[in-house]
């Protein structure tokens, strides 16, 4: 039996996580419509706000994207 121990990601936040993957090193600027989701992702440690005001994916975010969006096992 698998026990789920990660906070649930709403569909909009899953999409924001995927957009962070797609944009890559350029990051996503603050102030877009998905801003609340990016803030939530940051609070969960899946994204971080850089000094230049753009969000980027963290290592934890990459792992979560792989497991939840791409359905790949960790490791």
Protein backbone atom coordinates (compact mmCIF):
# COMPACT_ATOMS: atom_id res chain seq x y z
CA UNK A 1 0.00 0.00 0.00
CA UNK A 2 1.36 3.42 -0.97
CA UNK A 3 1.02 6.22 1.56
CA UNK A 4 0.73 9.73 0.14
CA UNK A 5 2.81 12.15 2.21
CA UNK A 6 3.13 15.15 -0.13
CA UNK A 7 0.80 18.13 -0.07
CA UNK A 8 -1.75 18.04 -2.87
CA UNK A 9 -1.09 20.29 -5.88
CA UNK A 10 -4.14 21.92 -7.41
CA UNK A 11 -4.41 21.65 -11.20
CA UNK A 12 -3.38 25.29 -11.61
CA UNK A 13 -0.27 24.77 -9.47
CA UNK A 14 0.63 21.60 -11.38
CA UNK A 15 0.44 23.68 -14.57
CA UNK A 16 2.62 26.40 -13.04
CA UNK A 17 5.17 23.76 -12.03
CA UNK A 18 5.21 22.44 -15.59
CA UNK A 19 5.65 25.97 -17.00
CA UNK A 20 8.69 26.41 -14.74
CA UNK A 21 10.17 23.28 -16.30
CA UNK A 22 9.42 24.50 -19.80
CA UNK A 23 10.91 27.98 -19.31
CA UNK A 24 14.17 26.57 -17.94
CA UNK A 25 16.95 28.83 -16.69
CA UNK A 26 15.18 31.98 -17.86
CA UNK A 27 12.68 31.68 -15.03
CA UNK A 28 9.12 33.03 -14.85
CA UNK A 29 8.60 36.67 -13.93
CA UNK A 30 6.65 37.62 -10.85
CA UNK A 31 3.29 39.29 -11.41
CA UNK A 32 1.77 36.90 -13.96
CA UNK A 33 -1.63 35.24 -13.58
CA UNK A 34 0.01 32.17 -12.07
CA UNK A 35 1.70 34.29 -9.38
CA UNK A 36 -0.34 32.80 -6.51
CA UNK A 37 0.63 29.30 -7.65
CA UNK A 38 4.29 30.26 -7.95
CA UNK A 39 4.14 31.65 -4.41
CA UNK A 40 2.59 28.39 -3.19
CA UNK A 41 5.26 26.38 -5.02
CA UNK A 42 7.89 28.54 -3.35
CA UNK A 43 6.31 27.92 0.05
CA UNK A 44 6.48 24.19 -0.63
CA UNK A 45 10.16 24.42 -1.61
CA UNK A 46 9.44 23.51 -5.24
CA UNK A 47 10.39 26.93 -6.63
CA UNK A 48 12.36 29.93 -5.49
CA UNK A 49 12.19 33.63 -6.28
CA UNK A 50 15.54 34.89 -7.54
CA UNK A 51 16.99 38.33 -6.86
CA UNK A 52 15.99 39.39 -10.40
CA UNK A 53 12.30 38.81 -9.56
CA UNK A 54 11.92 35.59 -11.54
CA UNK A 55 10.88 32.19 -10.23
CA UNK A 56 12.96 29.13 -10.95
CA UNK A 57 12.56 25.45 -10.21
CA UNK A 58 14.38 23.92 -7.25
CA UNK A 59 15.79 20.40 -7.15
CA UNK A 60 12.75 19.36 -5.12
CA UNK A 61 10.56 20.91 -7.82
CA UNK A 62 12.32 18.92 -10.52
CA UNK A 63 11.76 15.72 -8.54
CA UNK A 64 8.09 16.53 -7.92
CA UNK A 65 7.57 17.32 -11.61
CA UNK A 66 9.18 14.03 -12.60
CA UNK A 67 7.08 11.99 -10.16
CA UNK A 68 3.73 13.79 -10.44
CA UNK A 69 3.62 15.27 -13.93
CA UNK A 70 5.83 12.85 -15.85
CA UNK A 71 4.90 9.90 -13.58
CA UNK A 72 8.54 8.78 -13.22
CA UNK A 73 9.87 7.13 -10.11
CA UNK A 74 12.48 9.01 -8.08
CA UNK A 75 16.08 7.94 -8.41
